[in-house]
Amino acid sequence: MSYHIRIHDRQNDKFYEADIEGDRYILESLESQGIELPFSCLNGACTACAMRVKSGKIDQHEVIGLSKTLQDEGYALICSGYAQSDLELETQDEDEVYRLQFGNFFAKRKRHWFQFGIPIDHD
């Protein structure tokens, strides 16, 4: 089934529109039409291709780098997601989504660096 997608690329202040198939990854479908968006791993593990879902529904059953909580809050990784309806998406800053995903975990502990078995504190 074919769906219409509209994307606001916030970093470049551009808008893209395309028709994509629901049985292909969203990013793959867009790239085949000449629309280039940020990505890195292509496995749904990092947050480089993160999008904010403004409207529509994405199947993310293959995504491992985005918690169910963030998915429920409207975030998606389009490298491993499939459109299930027409979509309106907005690019996100990779660091923003990474902090939402992992920031609480890392903020709870003080990091210790080790060199030659001796802990070293770095600011």
PDB file of N, CA and C in Angstrom:
ATOM      1  N   MET A   1       0.841  -1.180   0.000  1.00  0.00           N
ATOM      2  CA  MET A   1       0.000   0.000   0.000  1.00  0.00           C
ATOM      3  C   MET A   1       0.883   1.239   0.000  1.00  0.00           C
ATOM      4  N   SER A   2       0.454   2.256  -0.688  1.00  0.00           N
ATOM      5  CA  SER A   2       1.217   3.490  -0.817  1.00  0.00           C
ATOM      6  C   SER A   2       0.685   4.557   0.149  1.00  0.00           C
ATOM      7  N   TYR A   3       1.630   5.308   0.723  1.00  0.00           N
ATOM      8  CA  TYR A   3       1.279   6.378   1.657  1.00  0.00           C
ATOM      9  C   TYR A   3       2.001   7.657   1.270  1.00  0.00           C
ATOM     10  N   HIS A   4       1.383   8.775   1.581  1.00  0.00           N
ATOM     11  CA  HIS A   4       1.997  10.080   1.327  1.00  0.00           C
ATOM     12  C   HIS A   4       2.737  10.525   2.589  1.00  0.00           C
ATOM     13  N   ILE A   5       3.946  11.035   2.397  1.00  0.00           N
ATOM     14  CA  ILE A   5       4.756  11.487   3.525  1.00  0.00           C
ATOM     15  C   ILE A   5       5.205  12.920   3.283  1.00  0.00           C
ATOM     16  N   ARG A   6       5.174  13.699   4.346  1.00  0.00           N
ATOM     17  CA  ARG A   6       5.646  15.092   4.321  1.00  0.00           C
ATOM     18  C   ARG A   6       6.633  15.228   5.470  1.00  0.00           C
ATOM     19  N   ILE A   7       7.833  15.739   5.160  1.00  0.00           N
ATOM     20  CA  ILE A   7       8.886  15.867   6.165  1.00  0.00           C
ATOM     21  C   ILE A   7       9.382  17.295   6.223  1.00  0.00           C
ATOM     22  N   HIS A   8       9.482  17.822   7.441  1.00  0.00           N
ATOM     23  CA  HIS A   8      10.126  19.114   7.661  1.00  0.00           C
ATOM     24  C   HIS A   8      11.537  18.829   8.167  1.00  0.00           C
ATOM     25  N   ASP A   9      12.533  19.169   7.351  1.00  0.00           N
ATOM     26  CA  ASP A   9      13.939  19.039   7.732  1.00  0.00           C
ATOM     27  C   ASP A   9      14.310  20.321   8.474  1.00  0.00           C
ATOM     28  N   ARG A  10      14.267  20.270   9.794  1.00  0.00           N
ATOM     29  CA  ARG A  10      14.501  21.461  10.617  1.00  0.00           C
ATOM     30  C   ARG A  10      15.900  22.028  10.457  1.00  0.00           C
ATOM     31  N   GLN A  11      16.888  21.164  10.288  1.00  0.00           N
ATOM     32  CA  GLN A  11      18.268  21.620  10.207  1.00  0.00           C
ATOM     33  C   GLN A  11      18.512  22.465   8.958  1.00  0.00           C
ATOM     34  N   ASN A  12      17.845  22.144   7.856  1.00  0.00           N
ATOM     35  CA  ASN A  12      18.027  22.871   6.595  1.00  0.00           C
ATOM     36  C   ASN A  12      16.812  23.721   6.230  1.00  0.00           C
ATOM     37  N   ASP A  13      15.798  23.718   7.081  1.00  0.00           N
ATOM     38  CA  ASP A  13      14.539  24.427   6.860  1.00  0.00           C
ATOM     39  C   ASP A  13      13.977  24.142   5.468  1.00  0.00           C
ATOM     40  N   LYS A  14      13.892  22.850   5.151  1.00  0.00           N
ATOM     41  CA  LYS A  14      13.328  22.400   3.885  1.00  0.00           C
ATOM     42  C   LYS A  14      12.168  21.461   4.162  1.00  0.00           C
ATOM     43  N   PHE A  15      11.260  21.374   3.187  1.00  0.00           N
ATOM     44  CA  PHE A  15      10.143  20.443   3.257  1.00  0.00           C
ATOM     45  C   PHE A  15      10.254  19.469   2.095  1.00  0.00           C
ATOM     46  N   TYR A  16       9.982  18.203   2.377  1.00  0.00           N
ATOM     47  CA  TYR A  16       9.984  17.166   1.352  1.00  0.00           C
ATOM     48  C   TYR A  16       8.639  16.462   1.370  1.00  0.00           C
ATOM     49  N   GLU A  17       8.184  16.061   0.193  1.00  0.00           N
ATOM     50  CA  GLU A  17       6.967  15.266   0.092  1.00  0.00           C
ATOM     51  C   GLU A  17       7.220  14.136  -0.885  1.00  0.00           C
ATOM     52  N   ALA A  18       6.649  12.975  -0.585  1.00  0.00           N
ATOM     53  CA  ALA A  18       6.821  11.808  -1.449  1.00  0.00           C
ATOM     54  C   ALA A  18       5.720  10.802  -1.156  1.00  0.00           C
ATOM     55  N   ASP A  19       5.557   9.889  -2.077  1.00  0.00           N
ATOM     56  CA  ASP A  19       4.690   8.736  -1.868  1.00  0.00           C
ATOM     57  C   ASP A  19       5.606   7.541  -1.658  1.00  0.00           C
ATOM     58  N   ILE A  20       5.351   6.772  -0.611  1.00  0.00           N
ATOM     59  CA  ILE A  20       6.207   5.632  -0.265  1.00  0.00           C
ATOM     60  C   ILE A  20       5.353   4.392  -0.064  1.00  0.00           C
ATOM     61  N   GLU A  21       6.000   3.253  -0.206  1.00  0.00           N
ATOM     62  CA  GLU A  21       5.317   1.975  -0.013  1.00  0.00           C
ATOM     63  C   GLU A  21       5.429   1.535   1.446  1.00  0.00           C
ATOM     64  N   GLY A  22       4.385   0.939   1.969  1.00  0.00           N
ATOM     65  CA  GLY A  22       4.351   0.500   3.355  1.00  0.00           C
ATOM     66  C   GLY A  22       5.174  -0.744   3.647  1.00  0.00           C
ATOM     67  N   ASP A  23       5.652  -1.435   2.592  1.00  0.00           N
ATOM     68  CA  ASP A  23       6.446  -2.641   2.814  1.00  0.00           C
ATOM     69  C   ASP A  23       7.951  -2.400   2.635  1.00  0.00           C
ATOM     70  N   ARG A  24       8.358  -1.127   2.567  1.00  0.00           N
ATOM     71  CA  ARG A  24       9.779  -0.772   2.481  1.00  0.00           C
ATOM     72  C   ARG A  24      10.103   0.190   3.620  1.00  0.00           C
ATOM     73  N   TYR A  25      11.350   0.132   4.086  1.00  0.00           N
ATOM     74  CA  TYR A  25      11.757   1.092   5.119  1.00  0.00           C
ATOM     75  C   TYR A  25      11.528   2.508   4.607  1.00  0.00           C
ATOM     76  N   ILE A  26      11.106   3.383   5.487  1.00  0.00           N
ATOM     77  CA  ILE A  26      10.814   4.761   5.103  1.00  0.00           C
ATOM     78  C   ILE A  26      12.055   5.441   4.518  1.00  0.00           C
ATOM     79  N   LEU A  27      13.181   5.333   5.204  1.00  0.00           N
ATOM     80  CA  LEU A  27      14.403   5.987   4.728  1.00  0.00           C
ATOM     81  C   LEU A  27      14.811   5.455   3.354  1.00  0.00           C
ATOM     82  N   GLU A  28      14.750   4.146   3.168  1.00  0.00           N
ATOM     83  CA  GLU A  28      15.100   3.525   1.882  1.00  0.00           C
ATOM     84  C   GLU A  28      14.201   4.056   0.767  1.00  0.00           C
ATOM     85  N   SER A  29      12.917   4.165   1.039  1.00  0.00           N
ATOM     86  CA  SER A  29      11.967   4.676   0.050  1.00  0.00           C
ATOM     87  C   SER A  29      12.276   6.126  -0.318  1.00  0.00           C
ATOM     88  N   LEU A  30      12.603   6.923   0.677  1.00  0.00           N
ATOM     89  CA  LEU A  30      12.911   8.331   0.416  1.00  0.00           C
ATOM     90  C   LEU A  30      14.199   8.479  -0.372  1.00  0.00           C
ATOM     91  N   GLU A  31      15.219   7.706   0.005  1.00  0.00           N
ATOM     92  CA  GLU A  31      16.499   7.784  -0.706  1.00  0.00           C
ATOM     93  C   GLU A  31      16.351   7.378  -2.170  1.00  0.00           C
ATOM     94  N   SER A  32      15.512   6.390  -2.449  1.00  0.00           N
ATOM     95  CA  SER A  32      15.319   5.950  -3.837  1.00  0.00           C
ATOM     96  C   SER A  32      14.666   7.043  -4.685  1.00  0.00           C
ATOM     97  N   GLN A  33      14.079   8.051  -4.010  1.00  0.00           N
ATOM     98  CA  GLN A  33      13.457   9.174  -4.710  1.00  0.00           C
ATOM     99  C   GLN A  33      14.329  10.427  -4.648  1.00  0.00           C
ATOM    100  N   GLY A  34      15.569  10.270  -4.174  1.00  0.00           N
ATOM    101  CA  GLY A  34      16.506  11.392  -4.156  1.00  0.00           C
ATOM    102  C   GLY A  34      16.408  12.291  -2.942  1.00  0.00           C
ATOM    103  N   ILE A  35      15.663  11.878  -1.933  1.00  0.00           N
ATOM    104  CA  ILE A  35      15.542  12.668  -0.702  1.00  0.00           C
ATOM    105  C   ILE A  35      16.575  12.159   0.292  1.00  0.00           C
ATOM    106  N   GLU A  36      17.531  13.014   0.617  1.00  0.00           N
ATOM    107  CA  GLU A  36      18.609  12.623   1.522  1.00  0.00           C
ATOM    108  C   GLU A  36      18.389  13.222   2.901  1.00  0.00           C
ATOM    109  N   LEU A  37      18.348  12.339   3.890  1.00  0.00           N
ATOM    110  CA  LEU A  37      18.151  12.735   5.285  1.00  0.00           C
ATOM    111  C   LEU A  37      19.252  12.100   6.130  1.00  0.00           C
ATOM    112  N   PRO A  38      19.474  12.604   7.342  1.00  0.00           N
ATOM    113  CA  PRO A  38      20.537  12.043   8.185  1.00  0.00           C
ATOM    114  C   PRO A  38      20.293  10.579   8.543  1.00  0.00           C
ATOM    115  N   PHE A  39      21.373   9.801   8.573  1.00  0.00           N
ATOM    116  CA  PHE A  39      21.326   8.421   9.032  1.00  0.00           C
ATOM    117  C   PHE A  39      22.739   7.994   9.381  1.00  0.00           C
ATOM    118  N   SER A  40      22.860   6.860  10.056  1.00  0.00           N
ATOM    119  CA  SER A  40      24.177   6.329  10.367  1.00  0.00           C
ATOM    120  C   SER A  40      24.184   4.811  10.247  1.00  0.00           C
ATOM    121  N   CYS A  41      23.599   4.115  11.193  1.00  0.00           N
ATOM    122  CA  CYS A  41      23.763   2.659  11.278  1.00  0.00           C
ATOM    123  C   CYS A  41      22.882   1.860  10.330  1.00  0.00           C
ATOM    124  N   LEU A  42      21.741   2.385   9.952  1.00  0.00           N
ATOM    125  CA  LEU A  42      20.740   1.689   9.115  1.00  0.00           C
ATOM    126  C   LEU A  42      20.211   0.412   9.741  1.00  0.00           C
ATOM    127  N   ASN A  43      20.338   0.286  11.058  1.00  0.00           N
ATOM    128  CA  ASN A  43      19.875  -0.908  11.772  1.00  0.00           C
ATOM    129  C   ASN A  43      18.878  -0.596  12.880  1.00  0.00           C
ATOM    130  N   GLY A  44      18.472   0.651  13.028  1.00  0.00           N
ATOM    131  CA  GLY A  44      17.545   0.998  14.093  1.00  0.00           C
ATOM    132  C   GLY A  44      18.175   0.981  15.464  1.00  0.00           C
ATOM    133  N   ALA A  45      19.501   1.165  15.509  1.00  0.00           N
ATOM    134  CA  ALA A  45      20.200   1.101  16.793  1.00  0.00           C
ATOM    135  C   ALA A  45      20.693   2.465  17.276  1.00  0.00           C
ATOM    136  N   CYS A  46      21.006   3.368  16.375  1.00  0.00           N
ATOM    137  CA  CYS A  46      21.465   4.699  16.804  1.00  0.00           C
ATOM    138  C   CYS A  46      20.280   5.666  16.694  1.00  0.00           C
ATOM    139  N   THR A  47      20.509   6.932  16.868  1.00  0.00           N
ATOM    140  CA  THR A  47      19.413   7.898  16.794  1.00  0.00           C
ATOM    141  C   THR A  47      19.628   8.933  15.690  1.00  0.00           C
ATOM    142  N   ALA A  48      20.525   8.656  14.744  1.00  0.00           N
ATOM    143  CA  ALA A  48      20.847   9.635  13.698  1.00  0.00           C
ATOM    144  C   ALA A  48      19.651   9.941  12.792  1.00  0.00           C
ATOM    145  N   CYS A  49      18.785   8.970  12.545  1.00  0.00           N
ATOM    146  CA  CYS A  49      17.646   9.175  11.643  1.00  0.00           C
ATOM    147  C   CYS A  49      16.351   9.484  12.400  1.00  0.00           C
ATOM    148  N   ALA A  50      16.463   9.869  13.644  1.00  0.00           N
ATOM    149  CA  ALA A  50      15.272  10.083  14.475  1.00  0.00           C
ATOM    150  C   ALA A  50      14.369  11.174  13.909  1.00  0.00           C
ATOM    151  N   MET A  51      13.090  10.922  13.989  1.00  0.00           N
ATOM    152  CA  MET A  51      12.057  11.857  13.539  1.00  0.00           C
ATOM    153  C   MET A  51      11.006  11.993  14.625  1.00  0.00           C
ATOM    154  N   ARG A  52      10.368  13.118  14.616  1.00  0.00           N
ATOM    155  CA  ARG A  52       9.195  13.340  15.461  1.00  0.00           C
ATOM    156  C   ARG A  52       7.982  13.106  14.583  1.00  0.00           C
ATOM    157  N   VAL A  53       7.099  12.220  14.982  1.00  0.00           N
ATOM    158  CA  VAL A  53       5.901  11.913  14.217  1.00  0.00           C
ATOM    159  C   VAL A  53       4.828  12.931  14.608  1.00  0.00           C
ATOM    160  N   LYS A  54       4.548  13.839  13.679  1.00  0.00           N
ATOM    161  CA  LYS A  54       3.531  14.869  13.937  1.00  0.00           C
ATOM    162  C   LYS A  54       2.134  14.311  13.693  1.00  0.00           C
ATOM    163  N   SER A  55       2.023  13.426  12.693  1.00  0.00           N
ATOM    164  CA  SER A  55       0.757  12.716  12.462  1.00  0.00           C
ATOM    165  C   SER A  55       1.041  11.447  11.677  1.00  0.00           C
ATOM    166  N   GLY A  56       0.203  10.452  11.898  1.00  0.00           N
ATOM    167  CA  GLY A  56       0.344   9.177  11.221  1.00  0.00           C
ATOM    168  C   GLY A  56       0.892   8.100  12.132  1.00  0.00           C
ATOM    169  N   LYS A  57       1.089   6.928  11.548  1.00  0.00           N
ATOM    170  CA  LYS A  57       1.519   5.773  12.335  1.00  0.00           C
ATOM    171  C   LYS A  57       2.649   5.039  11.619  1.00  0.00           C
ATOM    172  N   ILE A  58       3.677   4.642  12.409  1.00  0.00           N
ATOM    173  CA  ILE A  58       4.834   3.922  11.893  1.00  0.00           C
ATOM    174  C   ILE A  58       4.980   2.609  12.656  1.00  0.00           C
ATOM    175  N   ASP A  59       5.208   1.523  11.919  1.00  0.00           N
ATOM    176  CA  ASP A  59       5.516   0.225  12.519  1.00  0.00           C
ATOM    177  C   ASP A  59       7.016   0.202  12.793  1.00  0.00           C
ATOM    178  N   GLN A  60       7.399   0.095  14.069  1.00  0.00           N
ATOM    179  CA  GLN A  60       8.804   0.106  14.465  1.00  0.00           C
ATOM    180  C   GLN A  60       9.213  -1.184  15.164  1.00  0.00           C
ATOM    181  N   HIS A  61       8.629  -2.296  14.779  1.00  0.00           N
ATOM    182  CA  HIS A  61       8.916  -3.553  15.481  1.00  0.00           C
ATOM    183  C   HIS A  61      10.375  -3.985  15.356  1.00  0.00           C
ATOM    184  N   GLU A  62      11.126  -3.478  14.380  1.00  0.00           N
ATOM    185  CA  GLU A  62      12.534  -3.847  14.219  1.00  0.00           C
ATOM    186  C   GLU A  62      13.494  -2.881  14.917  1.00  0.00           C
ATOM    187  N   VAL A  63      12.995  -1.773  15.414  1.00  0.00           N
ATOM    188  CA  VAL A  63      13.833  -0.743  16.034  1.00  0.00           C
ATOM    189  C   VAL A  63      14.289  -1.197  17.421  1.00  0.00           C
ATOM    190  N   ILE A  64      15.610  -1.110  17.672  1.00  0.00           N
ATOM    191  CA  ILE A  64      16.132  -1.469  18.992  1.00  0.00           C
ATOM    192  C   ILE A  64      16.753  -0.272  19.716  1.00  0.00           C
ATOM    193  N   GLY A  65      16.978   0.831  19.016  1.00  0.00           N
ATOM    194  CA  GLY A  65      17.668   1.979  19.607  1.00  0.00           C
ATOM    195  C   GLY A  65      16.764   3.080  20.107  1.00  0.00           C
ATOM    196  N   LEU A  66      15.479   2.790  20.238  1.00  0.00           N
ATOM    197  CA  LEU A  66      14.531   3.786  20.711  1.00  0.00           C
ATOM    198  C   LEU A  66      13.533   3.095  21.627  1.00  0.00           C
ATOM    199  N   SER A  67      13.475   3.548  22.858  1.00  0.00           N
ATOM    200  CA  SER A  67      12.613   2.895  23.845  1.00  0.00           C
ATOM    201  C   SER A  67      11.142   2.961  23.441  1.00  0.00           C
ATOM    202  N   LYS A  68      10.383   2.042  23.950  1.00  0.00           N
ATOM    203  CA  LYS A  68       8.931   2.031  23.714  1.00  0.00           C
ATOM    204  C   LYS A  68       8.311   3.320  24.228  1.00  0.00           C
ATOM    205  N   THR A  69       8.831   3.836  25.331  1.00  0.00           N
ATOM    206  CA  THR A  69       8.323   5.094  25.891  1.00  0.00           C
ATOM    207  C   THR A  69       8.477   6.229  24.893  1.00  0.00           C
ATOM    208  N   LEU A  70       9.684   6.366  24.290  1.00  0.00           N
ATOM    209  CA  LEU A  70       9.895   7.436  23.312  1.00  0.00           C
ATOM    210  C   LEU A  70       9.073   7.200  22.047  1.00  0.00           C
ATOM    211  N   GLN A  71       8.898   5.951  21.657  1.00  0.00           N
ATOM    212  CA  GLN A  71       8.036   5.664  20.508  1.00  0.00           C
ATOM    213  C   GLN A  71       6.613   6.112  20.806  1.00  0.00           C
ATOM    214  N   ASP A  72       6.145   5.832  22.011  1.00  0.00           N
ATOM    215  CA  ASP A  72       4.793   6.238  22.417  1.00  0.00           C
ATOM    216  C   ASP A  72       4.657   7.753  22.516  1.00  0.00           C
ATOM    217  N   GLU A  73       5.788   8.444  22.747  1.00  0.00           N
ATOM    218  CA  GLU A  73       5.777   9.910  22.813  1.00  0.00           C
ATOM    219  C   GLU A  73       5.906  10.553  21.435  1.00  0.00           C
ATOM    220  N   GLY A  74       5.984   9.727  20.383  1.00  0.00           N
ATOM    221  CA  GLY A  74       5.959  10.263  19.030  1.00  0.00           C
ATOM    222  C   GLY A  74       7.292  10.350  18.327  1.00  0.00           C
ATOM    223  N   TYR A  75       8.276   9.574  18.760  1.00  0.00           N
ATOM    224  CA  TYR A  75       9.568   9.541  18.077  1.00  0.00           C
ATOM    225  C   TYR A  75       9.670   8.261  17.264  1.00  0.00           C
ATOM    226  N   ALA A  76      10.434   8.336  16.166  1.00  0.00           N
ATOM    227  CA  ALA A  76      10.608   7.167  15.304  1.00  0.00           C
ATOM    228  C   ALA A  76      11.996   7.180  14.684  1.00  0.00           C
ATOM    229  N   LEU A  77      12.500   5.986  14.374  1.00  0.00           N
ATOM    230  CA  LEU A  77      13.730   5.822  13.606  1.00  0.00           C
ATOM    231  C   LEU A  77      13.315   5.322  12.228  1.00  0.00           C
ATOM    232  N   ILE A  78      13.472   6.173  11.228  1.00  0.00           N
ATOM    233  CA  ILE A  78      12.914   5.854   9.910  1.00  0.00           C
ATOM    234  C   ILE A  78      13.754   4.859   9.111  1.00  0.00           C
ATOM    235  N   CYS A  79      14.975   4.560   9.558  1.00  0.00           N
ATOM    236  CA  CYS A  79      15.782   3.574   8.826  1.00  0.00           C
ATOM    237  C   CYS A  79      15.216   2.173   8.988  1.00  0.00           C
ATOM    238  N   SER A  80      14.469   1.934  10.061  1.00  0.00           N
ATOM    239  CA  SER A  80      13.921   0.604  10.339  1.00  0.00           C
ATOM    240  C   SER A  80      12.429   0.652  10.612  1.00  0.00           C
ATOM    241  N   GLY A  81      11.778   1.690  10.130  1.00  0.00           N
ATOM    242  CA  GLY A  81      10.344   1.830  10.341  1.00  0.00           C
ATOM    243  C   GLY A  81       9.580   1.777   9.032  1.00  0.00           C
ATOM    244  N   TYR A  82       8.335   1.304   9.121  1.00  0.00           N
ATOM    245  CA  TYR A  82       7.466   1.175   7.963  1.00  0.00           C
ATOM    246  C   TYR A  82       6.245   2.073   8.150  1.00  0.00           C
ATOM    247  N   ALA A  83       5.874   2.797   7.111  1.00  0.00           N
ATOM    248  CA  ALA A  83       4.661   3.619   7.171  1.00  0.00           C
ATOM    249  C   ALA A  83       3.435   2.720   7.249  1.00  0.00           C
ATOM    250  N   GLN A  84       2.507   3.109   8.116  1.00  0.00           N
ATOM    251  CA  GLN A  84       1.227   2.402   8.203  1.00  0.00           C
ATOM    252  C   GLN A  84       0.067   3.326   7.876  1.00  0.00           C
ATOM    253  N   SER A  85       0.408   4.574   7.538  1.00  0.00           N
ATOM    254  CA  SER A  85      -0.595   5.567   7.157  1.00  0.00           C
ATOM    255  C   SER A  85       0.157   6.716   6.495  1.00  0.00           C
ATOM    256  N   ASP A  86      -0.583   7.719   6.028  1.00  0.00           N
ATOM    257  CA  ASP A  86       0.072   8.948   5.593  1.00  0.00           C
ATOM    258  C   ASP A  86       0.803   9.516   6.798  1.00  0.00           C
ATOM    259  N   LEU A  87       1.931  10.188   6.550  1.00  0.00           N
ATOM    260  CA  LEU A  87       2.775  10.665   7.650  1.00  0.00           C
ATOM    261  C   LEU A  87       3.164  12.122   7.495  1.00  0.00           C
ATOM    262  N   GLU A  88       3.260  12.782   8.633  1.00  0.00           N
ATOM    263  CA  GLU A  88       3.897  14.093   8.710  1.00  0.00           C
ATOM    264  C   GLU A  88       4.996  13.961   9.766  1.00  0.00           C
ATOM    265  N   LEU A  89       6.244  14.160   9.339  1.00  0.00           N
ATOM    266  CA  LEU A  89       7.402  13.971  10.204  1.00  0.00           C
ATOM    267  C   LEU A  89       8.237  15.232  10.283  1.00  0.00           C
ATOM    268  N   GLU A  90       9.060  15.291  11.335  1.00  0.00           N
ATOM    269  CA  GLU A  90       9.969  16.419  11.519  1.00  0.00           C
ATOM    270  C   GLU A  90      11.307  15.882  12.017  1.00  0.00           C
ATOM    271  N   THR A  91      12.404  16.292  11.365  1.00  0.00           N
ATOM    272  CA  THR A  91      13.719  15.830  11.798  1.00  0.00           C
ATOM    273  C   THR A  91      14.017  16.345  13.198  1.00  0.00           C
ATOM    274  N   GLN A  92      14.839  15.585  13.904  1.00  0.00           N
ATOM    275  CA  GLN A  92      15.250  15.931  15.252  1.00  0.00           C
ATOM    276  C   GLN A  92      16.768  16.024  15.293  1.00  0.00           C
ATOM    277  N   ASP A  93      17.272  16.737  16.255  1.00  0.00           N
ATOM    278  CA  ASP A  93      18.698  16.774  16.491  1.00  0.00           C
ATOM    279  C   ASP A  93      19.087  15.445  17.127  1.00  0.00           C
ATOM    280  N   GLU A  94      20.094  14.771  16.565  1.00  0.00           N
ATOM    281  CA  GLU A  94      20.485  13.457  17.068  1.00  0.00           C
ATOM    282  C   GLU A  94      20.819  13.504  18.555  1.00  0.00           C
ATOM    283  N   ASP A  95      21.519  14.534  18.995  1.00  0.00           N
ATOM    284  CA  ASP A  95      21.877  14.623  20.409  1.00  0.00           C
ATOM    285  C   ASP A  95      20.653  14.778  21.294  1.00  0.00           C
ATOM    286  N   GLU A  96      19.640  15.464  20.796  1.00  0.00           N
ATOM    287  CA  GLU A  96      18.406  15.659  21.564  1.00  0.00           C
ATOM    288  C   GLU A  96      17.745  14.311  21.861  1.00  0.00           C
ATOM    289  N   VAL A  97      17.591  13.488  20.849  1.00  0.00           N
ATOM    290  CA  VAL A  97      16.953  12.189  21.022  1.00  0.00           C
ATOM    291  C   VAL A  97      17.848  11.259  21.834  1.00  0.00           C
ATOM    292  N   TYR A  98      19.155  11.325  21.600  1.00  0.00           N
ATOM    293  CA  TYR A  98      20.092  10.502  22.368  1.00  0.00           C
ATOM    294  C   TYR A  98      19.986  10.818  23.859  1.00  0.00           C
ATOM    295  N   ARG A  99      19.914  12.122  24.208  1.00  0.00           N
ATOM    296  CA  ARG A  99      19.777  12.509  25.621  1.00  0.00           C
ATOM    297  C   ARG A  99      18.461  12.017  26.197  1.00  0.00           C
ATOM    298  N   LEU A 100      17.390  12.107  25.427  1.00  0.00           N
ATOM    299  CA  LEU A 100      16.103  11.594  25.907  1.00  0.00           C
ATOM    300  C   LEU A 100      16.169  10.092  26.138  1.00  0.00           C
ATOM    301  N   GLN A 101      16.878   9.387  25.250  1.00  0.00           N
ATOM    302  CA  GLN A 101      16.969   7.932  25.333  1.00  0.00           C
ATOM    303  C   GLN A 101      17.904   7.479  26.452  1.00  0.00           C
ATOM    304  N   PHE A 102      19.074   8.103  26.558  1.00  0.00           N
ATOM    305  CA  PHE A 102      20.106   7.586  27.452  1.00  0.00           C
ATOM    306  C   PHE A 102      20.544   8.563  28.546  1.00  0.00           C
ATOM    307  N   GLY A 103      20.177   9.815  28.435  1.00  0.00           N
ATOM    308  CA  GLY A 103      20.663  10.841  29.354  1.00  0.00           C
ATOM    309  C   GLY A 103      20.361  10.576  30.810  1.00  0.00           C
ATOM    310  N   ASN A 104      19.190  10.081  31.105  1.00  0.00           N
ATOM    311  CA  ASN A 104      18.829   9.811  32.497  1.00  0.00           C
ATOM    312  C   ASN A 104      19.706   8.728  33.103  1.00  0.00           C
ATOM    313  N   PHE A 105      20.061   7.736  32.305  1.00  0.00           N
ATOM    314  CA  PHE A 105      20.909   6.660  32.800  1.00  0.00           C
ATOM    315  C   PHE A 105      22.304   7.174  33.124  1.00  0.00           C
ATOM    316  N   PHE A 106      22.906   7.897  32.193  1.00  0.00           N
ATOM    317  CA  PHE A 106      24.275   8.351  32.385  1.00  0.00           C
ATOM    318  C   PHE A 106      24.369   9.475  33.413  1.00  0.00           C
ATOM    319  N   ALA A 107      23.310  10.227  33.585  1.00  0.00           N
ATOM    320  CA  ALA A 107      23.342  11.335  34.541  1.00  0.00           C
ATOM    321  C   ALA A 107      23.311  10.846  35.990  1.00  0.00           C
ATOM    322  N   LYS A 108      22.930   9.613  36.228  1.00  0.00           N
ATOM    323  CA  LYS A 108      22.798   9.099  37.585  1.00  0.00           C
ATOM    324  C   LYS A 108      24.129   8.690  38.200  1.00  0.00           C
ATOM    325  N   ARG A 109      25.123   8.421  37.371  1.00  0.00           N
ATOM    326  CA  ARG A 109      26.380   7.912  37.898  1.00  0.00           C
ATOM    327  C   ARG A 109      27.532   8.834  37.510  1.00  0.00           C
ATOM    328  N   LYS A 110      28.480   8.918  38.387  1.00  0.00           N
ATOM    329  CA  LYS A 110      29.696   9.638  38.061  1.00  0.00           C
ATOM    330  C   LYS A 110      30.574   8.702  37.239  1.00  0.00           C
ATOM    331  N   ARG A 111      31.105   9.227  36.148  1.00  0.00           N
ATOM    332  CA  ARG A 111      31.950   8.410  35.295  1.00  0.00           C
ATOM    333  C   ARG A 111      33.368   8.378  35.837  1.00  0.00           C
ATOM    334  N   HIS A 112      33.960   7.234  35.768  1.00  0.00           N
ATOM    335  CA  HIS A 112      35.363   7.066  36.140  1.00  0.00           C
ATOM    336  C   HIS A 112      36.115   6.550  34.924  1.00  0.00           C
ATOM    337  N   TRP A 113      37.201   7.168  34.638  1.00  0.00           N
ATOM    338  CA  TRP A 113      38.057   6.741  33.543  1.00  0.00           C
ATOM    339  C   TRP A 113      39.260   6.027  34.136  1.00  0.00           C
ATOM    340  N   PHE A 114      39.679   4.994  33.464  1.00  0.00           N
ATOM    341  CA  PHE A 114      40.808   4.215  33.956  1.00  0.00           C
ATOM    342  C   PHE A 114      41.957   4.270  32.949  1.00  0.00           C
ATOM    343  N   GLN A 115      43.135   4.470  33.478  1.00  0.00           N
ATOM    344  CA  GLN A 115      44.332   4.425  32.662  1.00  0.00           C
ATOM    345  C   GLN A 115      45.362   3.618  33.414  1.00  0.00           C
ATOM    346  N   PHE A 116      45.777   2.543  32.827  1.00  0.00           N
ATOM    347  CA  PHE A 116      46.743   1.631  33.467  1.00  0.00           C
ATOM    348  C   PHE A 116      46.217   1.147  34.813  1.00  0.00           C
ATOM    349  N   GLY A 117      44.894   0.909  34.901  1.00  0.00           N
ATOM    350  CA  GLY A 117      44.289   0.385  36.104  1.00  0.00           C
ATOM    351  C   GLY A 117      44.088   1.408  37.220  1.00  0.00           C
ATOM    352  N   ILE A 118      44.391   2.687  36.955  1.00  0.00           N
ATOM    353  CA  ILE A 118      44.247   3.733  37.960  1.00  0.00           C
ATOM    354  C   ILE A 118      43.095   4.642  37.534  1.00  0.00           C
ATOM    355  N   PRO A 119      42.080   4.831  38.412  1.00  0.00           N
ATOM    356  CA  PRO A 119      40.966   5.708  38.036  1.00  0.00           C
ATOM    357  C   PRO A 119      41.449   7.150  37.885  1.00  0.00           C
ATOM    358  N   ILE A 120      40.970   7.808  36.839  1.00  0.00           N
ATOM    359  CA  ILE A 120      41.312   9.208  36.566  1.00  0.00           C
ATOM    360  C   ILE A 120      40.007   9.967  36.413  1.00  0.00           C
ATOM    361  N   ASP A 121      39.832  11.070  37.119  1.00  0.00           N
ATOM    362  CA  ASP A 121      38.647  11.900  36.970  1.00  0.00           C
ATOM    363  C   ASP A 121      38.890  12.928  35.883  1.00  0.00           C
ATOM    364  N   HIS A 122      37.960  13.033  34.970  1.00  0.00           N
ATOM    365  CA  HIS A 122      38.006  14.038  33.910  1.00  0.00           C
ATOM    366  C   HIS A 122      36.750  14.879  34.019  1.00  0.00           C
ATOM    367  N   ASP A 123      36.889  16.158  33.857  1.00  0.00           N
ATOM    368  CA  ASP A 123      35.708  17.035  33.842  1.00  0.00           C
ATOM    369  C   ASP A 123      35.228  17.209  32.431  1.00  0.00           C
TER     370      ASP A 123
END
